Protein backbone atom coordinates (compact mmCIF):
# COMPACT_ATOMS: atom_id res chain seq x y z
CA MET A 1 -20.11 18.12 9.56
CA LYS A 2 -18.85 14.68 10.01
CA GLU A 3 -16.40 13.66 13.07
CA ILE A 4 -12.60 14.56 12.11
CA PRO A 5 -11.42 11.03 11.69
CA GLU A 6 -14.30 10.20 9.79
CA MET A 7 -13.99 12.18 7.17
CA SER A 8 -11.80 11.89 3.99
CA VAL A 9 -8.68 13.24 2.90
CA ARG A 10 -10.21 15.75 0.53
CA GLU A 11 -12.99 16.78 3.00
CA LEU A 12 -10.63 17.64 5.37
CA ALA A 13 -8.54 19.66 3.13
CA GLN A 14 -11.66 21.48 1.73
CA ALA A 15 -12.82 22.40 5.49
CA ILE A 16 -9.38 23.69 6.36
CA ARG A 17 -9.29 25.89 3.44
CA ALA A 18 -12.81 27.43 3.73
CA GLY A 19 -12.27 27.66 7.41
CA GLU A 20 -14.76 25.92 8.82
CA ILE A 21 -11.94 23.66 10.90
CA SER A 22 -8.57 24.76 11.36
CA SER A 23 -5.50 22.56 11.03
CA VAL A 24 -4.75 22.52 14.84
CA GLU A 25 -8.04 21.13 15.46
CA VAL A 26 -7.50 18.63 12.83
CA THR A 27 -4.30 17.52 14.02
CA GLU A 28 -5.24 17.45 17.92
CA ALA A 29 -7.79 14.90 17.04
CA PHE A 30 -5.56 13.17 15.32
CA VAL A 31 -3.27 12.72 17.83
CA ARG A 32 -5.72 12.55 20.48
CA ARG A 33 -6.99 9.38 18.44
CA ILE A 34 -3.66 8.25 18.28
CA SER A 35 -3.11 7.83 22.24
CA GLU A 36 -6.31 6.14 22.36
CA VAL A 37 -5.66 3.78 19.90
CA ASN A 38 -2.19 2.91 19.19
CA PRO A 39 -1.49 0.90 22.39
CA LYS A 40 -3.54 -1.64 21.23
CA LEU A 41 -1.89 -1.54 17.84
CA ASN A 42 1.52 -0.81 18.02
CA ALA A 43 1.01 1.19 14.62
CA VAL A 44 2.65 4.15 15.07
CA VAL A 45 6.33 3.91 16.43
CA GLN A 46 6.97 7.68 16.34
CA VAL A 47 4.70 10.08 17.27
CA CYS A 48 5.48 14.05 15.86
CA ALA A 49 2.66 15.49 18.05
CA ASP A 50 4.87 18.50 19.23
CA SER A 51 6.19 19.59 15.66
CA ALA A 52 2.77 18.43 13.87
CA LEU A 53 1.18 21.18 15.95
CA SER A 54 3.11 23.49 15.38
CA GLU A 55 3.40 23.06 11.61
CA ALA A 56 -0.73 23.08 12.43
CA ALA A 57 -0.23 26.40 13.85
CA ARG A 58 2.17 28.01 10.90
CA ALA A 59 -0.51 26.48 8.08
CA ASP A 60 -3.73 28.30 10.12
CA ARG A 61 -1.40 31.65 10.29
CA ALA A 62 -0.84 31.46 6.89
CA LEU A 63 -3.34 30.83 5.67
CA ALA A 64 -5.34 33.78 7.78
CA ARG A 65 -3.18 35.63 5.23
CA GLY A 66 -4.62 34.58 2.43
CA GLU A 67 -1.56 31.82 1.81
CA CYS A 68 -2.07 28.63 0.77
CA PHE A 69 0.32 25.57 0.68
CA GLY A 70 -1.23 23.21 -1.51
CA PRO A 71 -3.82 20.72 -1.80
CA LEU A 72 -3.05 19.24 1.05
CA HIS A 73 -2.80 21.92 3.63
CA GLY A 74 -2.76 21.78 7.04
CA VAL A 75 -3.73 18.04 6.69
CA PRO A 76 -1.81 15.67 8.93
CA MET A 77 -0.69 12.43 7.57
CA THR A 78 1.71 9.37 8.99
CA LEU A 79 4.57 7.82 6.54
CA LYS A 80 5.78 4.08 6.62
CA ASP A 81 9.11 3.55 8.77
CA SER A 82 10.63 2.39 5.46
CA PHE A 83 11.11 6.30 4.24
CA ASP A 84 13.46 8.43 5.22
CA SER A 85 11.97 11.81 7.29
CA ALA A 86 14.71 14.41 8.45
CA GLY A 87 14.48 15.05 12.05
CA VAL A 88 12.79 11.54 12.73
CA VAL A 89 14.05 8.57 13.44
CA SER A 90 13.82 6.30 10.56
CA ALA A 91 14.70 2.67 11.39
CA GLY A 92 12.78 0.73 9.01
CA GLY A 93 13.18 -1.97 11.39
CA THR A 94 16.53 -2.74 11.40
CA LEU A 95 18.31 -2.74 14.79
CA GLY A 96 21.55 -0.83 12.88
CA ARG A 97 19.34 1.97 11.96
CA LYS A 98 17.03 2.10 15.59
CA ASP A 99 18.78 5.66 16.41
CA PHE A 100 19.20 6.73 13.05
CA VAL A 101 18.06 10.37 12.41
CA PRO A 102 17.78 11.01 8.41
CA GLY A 103 19.17 15.03 7.21
CA LYS A 104 16.38 14.94 4.41
CA ASP A 105 13.43 13.59 3.92
CA ALA A 106 12.36 11.12 1.11
CA THR A 107 11.00 12.36 -2.05
CA VAL A 108 7.52 11.27 -1.61
CA LEU A 109 7.59 12.98 2.02
CA SER A 110 9.28 15.84 0.52
CA ARG A 111 6.70 16.19 -2.04
CA LEU A 112 3.70 16.38 0.12
CA LYS A 113 4.92 18.35 2.97
CA LYS A 114 5.35 21.15 -0.08
CA ASN A 115 1.83 20.39 -1.17
CA GLY A 116 0.57 21.03 2.42
CA ALA A 117 1.04 17.86 4.29
CA ILE A 118 2.01 17.59 7.89
CA LEU A 119 3.83 14.35 9.11
CA LEU A 120 2.13 13.26 12.10
CA GLY A 121 4.30 10.00 12.76
CA LYS A 122 5.52 6.67 10.97
CA THR A 123 4.42 3.73 11.17
CA ASN A 124 5.49 0.43 11.63
CA THR A 125 7.18 -2.17 8.92
CA PRO A 126 9.03 -5.46 8.51
CA GLU A 127 12.48 -5.39 8.59
CA PHE A 128 13.49 -3.96 5.20
CA THR A 129 10.05 -4.33 4.34
CA LEU A 130 10.86 -7.99 3.70
CA MET A 131 7.62 -9.75 5.30
CA TYR A 132 4.16 -10.12 4.79
CA GLU A 133 3.71 -9.66 8.50
CA THR A 134 4.90 -6.39 10.36
CA ASP A 135 6.76 -7.36 12.90
CA ASN A 136 10.54 -6.39 14.00
CA LEU A 137 13.43 -6.53 16.62
CA VAL A 138 13.07 -2.64 17.40
CA TYR A 139 9.24 -2.03 17.66
CA GLY A 140 7.82 -5.53 17.88
CA ARG A 141 4.42 -6.56 16.07
CA THR A 142 1.49 -4.50 14.62
CA ASN A 143 -2.16 -5.74 15.96
CA ASN A 144 -4.90 -5.76 13.03
CA PRO A 145 -7.40 -3.50 14.62
CA TYR A 146 -10.44 -5.62 13.50
CA ASP A 147 -8.76 -8.48 15.43
CA PRO A 148 -5.45 -8.03 17.76
CA GLU A 149 -5.03 -11.32 17.45
CA CYS A 150 -4.57 -11.07 13.63
CA SER A 151 -1.65 -9.57 11.45
CA PRO A 152 -2.68 -6.79 9.78
CA GLY A 153 -0.22 -7.84 6.97
CA GLY A 154 2.70 -6.49 5.71
CA SER A 155 5.03 -4.80 4.98
CA SER A 156 2.72 -1.49 5.14
CA GLY A 157 0.89 -3.10 8.14
CA GLY A 158 1.40 0.00 10.36
CA ALA A 159 0.20 2.00 7.70
CA ALA A 160 -3.17 0.37 7.16
CA ALA A 161 -3.58 -0.48 10.55
CA ILE A 162 -3.98 3.44 11.79
CA VAL A 163 -5.77 4.53 8.71
CA ALA A 164 -8.54 1.71 9.24
CA SER A 165 -8.37 3.06 12.93
CA GLY A 166 -9.40 6.40 11.64
CA CYS A 167 -6.00 7.81 13.20
CA SER A 168 -4.53 9.23 10.53
CA PRO A 169 -6.33 10.22 7.13
CA PHE A 170 -3.45 8.71 4.82
CA ASP A 171 -0.40 6.91 4.87
CA VAL A 172 2.21 6.23 1.91
CA GLY A 173 3.78 2.70 1.83
CA SER A 174 5.67 0.76 -0.39
CA ASP A 175 4.93 -2.71 -2.48
CA TYR A 176 7.29 -5.30 -3.50
CA GLY A 177 5.18 -8.04 -3.43
CA GLY A 178 1.98 -6.67 -2.37
CA SER A 179 3.09 -4.64 0.54
CA LEU A 180 0.52 -2.40 -0.11
CA ARG A 181 -2.32 -4.32 -1.17
CA TYR A 182 -1.89 -6.90 1.26
CA PRO A 183 -2.16 -4.88 4.51
CA ALA A 184 -5.09 -3.13 2.82
CA HIS A 185 -6.98 -6.17 2.39
CA CYS A 186 -6.41 -7.54 5.86
CA CYS A 187 -7.60 -3.81 7.43
CA GLY A 188 -10.50 -2.79 4.96
CA ILE A 189 -9.10 -0.14 3.49
CA THR A 190 -7.99 0.89 0.44
CA SER A 191 -4.71 1.57 -1.79
CA ILE A 192 -2.88 1.79 -4.87
CA LYS A 193 0.23 -0.12 -6.42
CA PRO A 194 0.65 2.64 -9.13
CA THR A 195 2.56 1.33 -12.52
CA SER A 196 6.06 0.70 -12.27
CA GLY A 197 8.12 3.62 -12.98
CA ARG A 198 5.50 6.46 -11.47
CA VAL A 199 6.74 7.20 -8.10
CA PRO A 200 10.39 7.76 -7.18
CA ARG A 201 11.76 5.38 -4.58
CA THR A 202 14.50 7.75 -3.72
CA GLY A 203 15.04 7.75 0.52
CA HIS A 204 13.27 4.26 0.71
CA ILE A 205 14.90 1.71 2.88
CA LEU A 206 14.82 -0.72 0.11
CA PRO A 207 16.18 1.22 -2.77
CA PHE A 208 15.67 1.96 -6.21
CA GLY A 209 17.99 0.31 -8.42
CA GLY A 210 19.33 -3.88 -9.51
CA VAL A 211 17.64 -6.66 -11.27
CA LEU A 212 14.28 -6.86 -9.42
CA ASP A 213 14.03 -3.06 -9.39
CA SER A 214 10.41 -2.79 -11.50
CA PHE A 215 8.86 -4.81 -8.56
CA GLN A 216 8.64 -2.23 -6.25
CA GLN A 217 6.43 0.86 -6.38
CA VAL A 218 5.11 3.72 -3.69
CA GLY A 219 1.87 4.53 -3.34
CA PRO A 220 -0.69 5.95 -0.88
CA VAL A 221 -3.25 3.93 1.81
CA ALA A 222 -6.48 5.88 2.74
CA LYS A 223 -9.93 5.01 3.68
CA HIS A 224 -11.86 6.24 0.35
CA VAL A 225 -10.59 5.53 -3.46
CA GLU A 226 -10.96 8.95 -4.05
CA ASP A 227 -8.13 9.75 -1.34
CA LEU A 228 -5.76 7.79 -3.25
CA GLU A 229 -6.53 9.40 -6.77
CA TYR A 230 -6.11 13.29 -4.73
CA ILE A 231 -2.59 12.17 -3.34
CA LEU A 232 -0.99 10.31 -6.32
CA PRO A 233 -0.07 12.87 -8.76
CA LEU A 234 1.28 14.77 -6.28
CA ILE A 235 3.75 11.72 -5.55
CA ALA A 236 4.36 10.93 -9.20
CA GLY A 237 6.82 12.19 -11.84
CA PRO A 238 10.53 12.21 -11.84
CA ASP A 239 12.87 13.59 -8.97
CA TRP A 240 15.74 13.32 -11.22
CA ILE A 241 17.57 10.62 -8.89
CA ASP A 242 15.84 7.84 -8.97
CA PRO A 243 16.53 6.69 -12.81
CA SER A 244 13.20 4.50 -13.44
CA ILE A 245 10.76 6.92 -13.33
CA VAL A 246 9.10 7.96 -16.16
CA PRO A 247 7.09 11.71 -16.74
CA MET A 248 3.87 10.06 -17.91
CA PRO A 249 0.37 12.07 -17.62
CA LEU A 250 -2.17 10.59 -15.10
CA GLY A 251 -5.57 10.45 -16.52
CA GLU A 252 -8.48 11.02 -14.43
CA SER A 253 -11.02 8.24 -13.26
CA LYS A 254 -13.95 11.05 -13.73
CA ASN A 255 -13.48 10.38 -17.78
CA VAL A 256 -13.73 6.66 -17.59
CA ASP A 257 -16.89 5.52 -18.64
CA ILE A 258 -17.58 1.83 -16.69
CA ARG A 259 -20.43 1.26 -18.90
CA THR A 260 -17.67 0.45 -21.98
CA MET A 261 -15.29 -1.42 -19.50
CA ARG A 262 -14.52 -4.95 -20.29
CA VAL A 263 -13.80 -6.65 -17.25
CA ALA A 264 -12.03 -9.88 -16.22
CA PHE A 265 -12.58 -12.16 -13.13
CA HIS A 266 -10.98 -14.80 -11.62
CA THR A 267 -10.69 -16.56 -8.26
CA ASP A 268 -8.25 -19.11 -8.66
CA ASN A 269 -5.15 -18.34 -9.88
CA GLY A 270 -4.02 -21.61 -10.55
CA VAL A 271 -1.60 -21.55 -7.46
CA LEU A 272 -4.18 -21.34 -4.68
CA PRO A 273 -7.58 -20.86 -4.92
CA ALA A 274 -9.31 -18.52 -2.88
CA SER A 275 -11.51 -19.18 0.42
CA GLU A 276 -15.22 -20.01 -0.11
CA GLU A 277 -15.67 -16.04 1.42
CA THR A 278 -13.34 -14.68 -0.88
CA VAL A 279 -14.83 -16.35 -4.00
CA LEU A 280 -17.85 -14.36 -2.86
CA ALA A 281 -16.52 -10.94 -2.21
CA VAL A 282 -15.11 -11.11 -5.65
CA HIS A 283 -18.28 -12.30 -7.40
CA ALA A 284 -20.05 -9.56 -5.45
CA ALA A 285 -17.34 -6.81 -7.26
CA ALA A 286 -17.73 -8.48 -10.62
CA LYS A 287 -21.56 -8.25 -10.77
CA ALA A 288 -21.39 -3.96 -9.39
CA LEU A 289 -19.17 -3.86 -12.37
CA GLU A 290 -21.58 -5.95 -14.45
CA ASP A 291 -24.66 -4.20 -13.00
CA ALA A 292 -23.08 -0.93 -14.09
CA GLY A 293 -23.20 -2.07 -17.59
CA ALA A 294 -19.27 -3.54 -17.86
CA LEU A 295 -18.90 -6.47 -19.94
CA VAL A 296 -17.57 -9.53 -17.47
CA GLU A 297 -16.65 -12.54 -17.99
CA GLU A 298 -14.93 -15.02 -15.60
CA VAL A 299 -11.50 -15.94 -17.28
CA ARG A 300 -8.06 -16.13 -16.29
CA PRO A 301 -4.84 -14.97 -18.18
CA GLU A 302 -3.23 -18.25 -19.60
CA GLY A 303 0.37 -18.83 -17.50
CA ILE A 304 -0.93 -16.68 -14.43
CA GLU A 305 -0.29 -19.80 -12.54
CA ASP A 306 3.60 -19.38 -13.11
CA SER A 307 3.32 -16.22 -11.12
CA TYR A 308 4.69 -17.93 -7.75
CA GLU A 309 7.51 -19.89 -9.12
CA ILE A 310 8.80 -17.14 -11.06
CA MET A 311 8.70 -14.26 -8.67
CA MET A 312 10.33 -16.84 -5.68
CA GLY A 313 12.61 -17.87 -7.89
CA LEU A 314 13.64 -14.37 -8.59
CA LEU A 315 13.51 -13.16 -5.16
CA SER A 316 16.11 -16.07 -4.13
CA ALA A 317 18.34 -15.89 -7.22
CA ASP A 318 21.65 -14.14 -5.30
CA GLY A 319 21.40 -15.93 -2.36
CA GLY A 320 20.41 -13.24 -0.07
CA ALA A 321 23.46 -11.26 -1.38
CA SER A 322 21.33 -8.16 -1.75
CA ILE A 323 19.77 -8.61 1.77
CA ARG A 324 23.38 -9.30 3.61
CA ARG A 325 24.33 -5.69 1.44
CA LEU A 326 21.42 -3.77 2.86
CA LEU A 327 22.36 -5.21 6.85
CA ARG A 328 25.84 -4.37 6.04
CA GLU A 329 24.94 -0.68 5.02
CA SER A 330 22.44 -0.42 8.18
CA GLY A 331 24.86 -1.78 10.69
CA THR A 332 22.67 -4.83 11.28
CA GLU A 333 24.02 -7.41 12.87
CA ARG A 334 21.14 -9.54 14.31
CA HIS A 335 18.07 -9.48 12.19
CA SER A 336 14.68 -10.74 11.94
CA ILE A 337 14.21 -11.99 8.17
CA PRO A 338 13.47 -15.78 8.34
CA TRP A 339 14.62 -16.72 5.19
CA LEU A 340 17.66 -15.30 4.83
CA GLY A 341 20.42 -17.94 3.82
CA LEU A 342 18.08 -20.31 2.87
CA GLY A 343 19.25 -20.61 -0.76
CA SER A 344 22.54 -20.78 -2.80
CA PRO A 345 23.04 -18.13 -5.59
CA MET A 346 21.81 -19.46 -9.15
CA GLU A 347 24.15 -20.29 -11.71
CA SER A 348 24.32 -17.79 -14.51
CA ALA A 349 22.54 -20.02 -16.90
CA ALA A 350 19.68 -20.76 -15.02
CA PHE A 351 19.15 -17.22 -13.53
CA ASP A 352 19.03 -16.23 -17.75
CA ALA A 353 16.35 -18.56 -18.27
CA LEU A 354 14.31 -17.27 -15.35
CA VAL A 355 14.65 -13.84 -16.58
CA MET A 356 13.73 -14.76 -19.79
CA ARG A 357 10.91 -16.77 -18.11
CA TRP A 358 9.77 -13.80 -16.35
CA TYR A 359 9.56 -11.64 -19.36
CA GLY A 360 7.64 -14.00 -21.17
CA PHE A 361 4.97 -14.06 -18.61
CA ARG A 362 5.06 -10.49 -19.05
CA SER A 363 4.45 -10.91 -22.39
CA SER A 364 1.40 -12.92 -22.06
CA MET A 365 0.11 -10.76 -19.32
CA LEU A 366 0.11 -8.40 -21.21
CA SER A 367 -1.50 -9.77 -24.80
CA PHE A 368 -4.58 -10.85 -22.30
CA LEU A 369 -5.01 -6.97 -21.65
CA GLU A 370 -5.48 -6.24 -25.52
CA ASN A 371 -9.27 -6.99 -25.74
CA ARG A 372 -9.84 -5.80 -21.84
CA ASP A 373 -9.58 -3.19 -19.52
CA VAL A 374 -8.89 -4.61 -15.91
CA ILE A 375 -8.27 -7.91 -14.22
CA LEU A 376 -10.34 -8.30 -11.07
CA SER A 377 -9.33 -11.22 -8.44
CA PRO A 378 -8.31 -11.62 -4.79
CA VAL A 379 -5.92 -9.72 -3.44
CA ASN A 380 -4.59 -12.98 -1.02
CA ALA A 381 -6.28 -16.41 -1.10
CA LEU A 382 -7.16 -15.59 2.47
CA PRO A 383 -8.74 -12.96 4.86
CA ALA A 384 -6.07 -11.72 7.65
CA LEU A 385 -4.25 -14.67 9.40
CA PRO A 386 -3.36 -15.26 13.06
CA HIS A 387 0.37 -13.54 13.93
CA GLY A 388 3.05 -15.72 12.75
CA ALA A 389 0.93 -17.94 10.38
CA VAL A 390 1.80 -15.49 7.12
CA ARG A 391 5.01 -17.92 6.49
CA ASP A 392 3.09 -21.10 6.78
CA ASP A 393 2.00 -21.04 2.99
CA LEU A 394 3.41 -17.93 0.64
CA ARG A 395 1.50 -19.36 -2.33
CA ALA A 396 -1.48 -17.49 -0.95
CA PHE A 397 0.65 -14.20 -1.89
CA SER A 398 0.84 -15.27 -5.52
CA TYR A 399 -2.00 -13.07 -6.58
CA THR A 400 -0.35 -9.71 -5.66
CA MET A 401 2.98 -11.38 -6.68
CA ALA A 402 1.56 -11.51 -10.28
CA TYR A 403 1.12 -7.51 -10.69
CA ASN A 404 4.91 -6.88 -9.38
CA LEU A 405 5.94 -9.52 -12.15
CA THR A 406 4.00 -7.28 -14.51
CA GLY A 407 4.65 -3.95 -12.95
CA TRP A 408 0.94 -2.73 -13.77
CA PRO A 409 -0.80 -0.58 -11.52
CA VAL A 410 -3.57 -2.03 -8.84
CA THR A 411 -6.32 -0.94 -6.79
CA VAL A 412 -7.35 -2.26 -3.84
CA VAL A 413 -11.13 -2.12 -2.31
CA ARG A 414 -13.51 -3.75 0.43
CA ALA A 415 -15.90 -6.11 -1.15
CA GLY A 416 -16.81 -8.85 1.61
CA THR A 417 -16.44 -9.72 5.25
CA SER A 418 -15.40 -13.35 6.97
CA SER A 419 -17.49 -15.20 9.31
CA SER A 420 -14.67 -14.07 11.40
CA ASP A 421 -15.84 -10.60 10.75
CA LEU A 422 -12.27 -9.39 9.06
CA PRO A 423 -12.25 -7.35 5.83
CA ILE A 424 -11.97 -8.94 2.52
CA GLY A 425 -10.83 -6.64 -0.42
CA VAL A 426 -10.21 -7.52 -4.08
CA GLN A 427 -8.04 -6.06 -6.13
CA ILE A 428 -8.46 -4.34 -10.02
CA ALA A 429 -5.27 -4.28 -12.10
CA ALA A 430 -5.33 -2.32 -14.98
CA ARG A 431 -2.93 -1.71 -18.38
CA PRO A 432 0.05 0.13 -17.76
CA TRP A 433 -0.06 3.72 -16.81
CA ARG A 434 -3.91 3.29 -16.81
CA GLU A 435 -4.47 3.88 -12.90
CA ASP A 436 -7.43 6.26 -13.93
CA VAL A 437 -9.15 2.76 -15.30
CA SER A 438 -8.01 1.06 -12.31
CA LEU A 439 -9.41 3.44 -9.87
CA ALA A 440 -12.67 3.91 -11.37
CA ALA A 441 -13.73 0.83 -11.19
CA ALA A 442 -12.54 0.22 -7.83
CA ALA A 443 -14.48 3.33 -6.83
CA TRP A 444 -17.78 1.96 -8.67
CA VAL A 445 -17.20 -1.01 -6.06
CA GLU A 446 -16.84 0.87 -3.43
CA ARG A 447 -19.63 3.03 -4.26
CA GLU A 448 -21.88 0.10 -4.63
CA LEU A 449 -20.31 -2.31 -1.98
CA GLY A 450 -18.73 0.09 0.58
CA ALA A 451 -21.04 0.03 3.27
CA PHE A 452 -18.44 -1.68 5.93
CA PRO A 453 -18.12 -1.40 9.37
CA PRO A 454 -15.12 0.03 10.32
CA PRO A 455 -13.06 -1.72 13.18
CA ASP A 456 -14.73 -1.47 16.86
CA LEU A 457 -11.61 -0.87 18.91
CA SER A 458 -13.29 -0.20 22.31
CA ARG A 459 -14.28 -4.30 22.14
CA GLU A 460 -12.60 -6.57 24.27
CA ARG A 461 -11.88 -9.81 23.05
């Protein structure tokens, strides 16, 4: 049997249910791993070792009686600190909540627990999840496991760093402009941003609602694509609180035929060309799909070059009013949000024109998919950046922004390595509600290209 930190979520769950290994053994292994690795990363900001071990023992006793709590029976996990967790500090990176202990779990955590998962700890996030680098005034910055001088990305940077380091089988994060996908790219793992309306945001520090409600989705972070598909059905579906969630069935990737897939790919979105190494990674992923029999063409959607202007315009249209509301509600007086107050509220006519431009963009993008199944592209124009450098040119993040504007499902999988030994991921976007297609393509790329080395945290740099 593999070492515990190397096992997939599915393998761990099956081994526990089969009695090959106990939940206590698994949980102890991850607690030890966190104690060894986290001081170098600062990725886990709350460790729930005692309660996790107690829950693991309860899971083992239940299994001995023939009871199974669900598909994740006895499997420990971590959770992005932007989600509420009952009885555990949930700061969301903001000083006003540094001692906030919720009385109720976020919907996604509640669902995972009901399916047998055990909360092992909370992972770091920038303040209110509003940065591409994981740093805040409560816990400080998180380091990339491949190079501590680099960022793991954001806002799910703590989640990606700790999963990549073998300290947690999986995490759940959120994505408002690339916050699941960019950290997965930086840390060499996989994640999925589901279709807008798939997973409830109830109990998340950046709540549902508002004009930009469809931007934000919640999804899993893991080492293996199969684990994304294992976890996603457990957290999807209406909770009768988040009003945007649709009871849409989830397809299974095993029913998708790669040989009939129609793939478009590009390495330059017209905003900022990808680095040469990133181009090579995208081409490698495209070739893997083409070798499987997929019809692959290099072409980008017309109008995708407008993604950055539209996204940044929408984010700043209220002049920071929504962020100031979050600060008031959290009781935060001193914050770390660099762009707050940099712009004025947009006049109503200009805002109306911008919203119509956004919907024109969505329509144009959808038309592009009429005769195609997926779009393969860079996650970011560049590999992981040094700490503090992510704000130098946000155009590099336009590759992820495009799919927050559309609300489509997107899976990230590693497809290359930079000359600095940093991971390079690719993103595979599919039609609305076709997570199965995106996951199938990503799983194939992972299978063909996925022999990448994990981070070596014993190395001194």
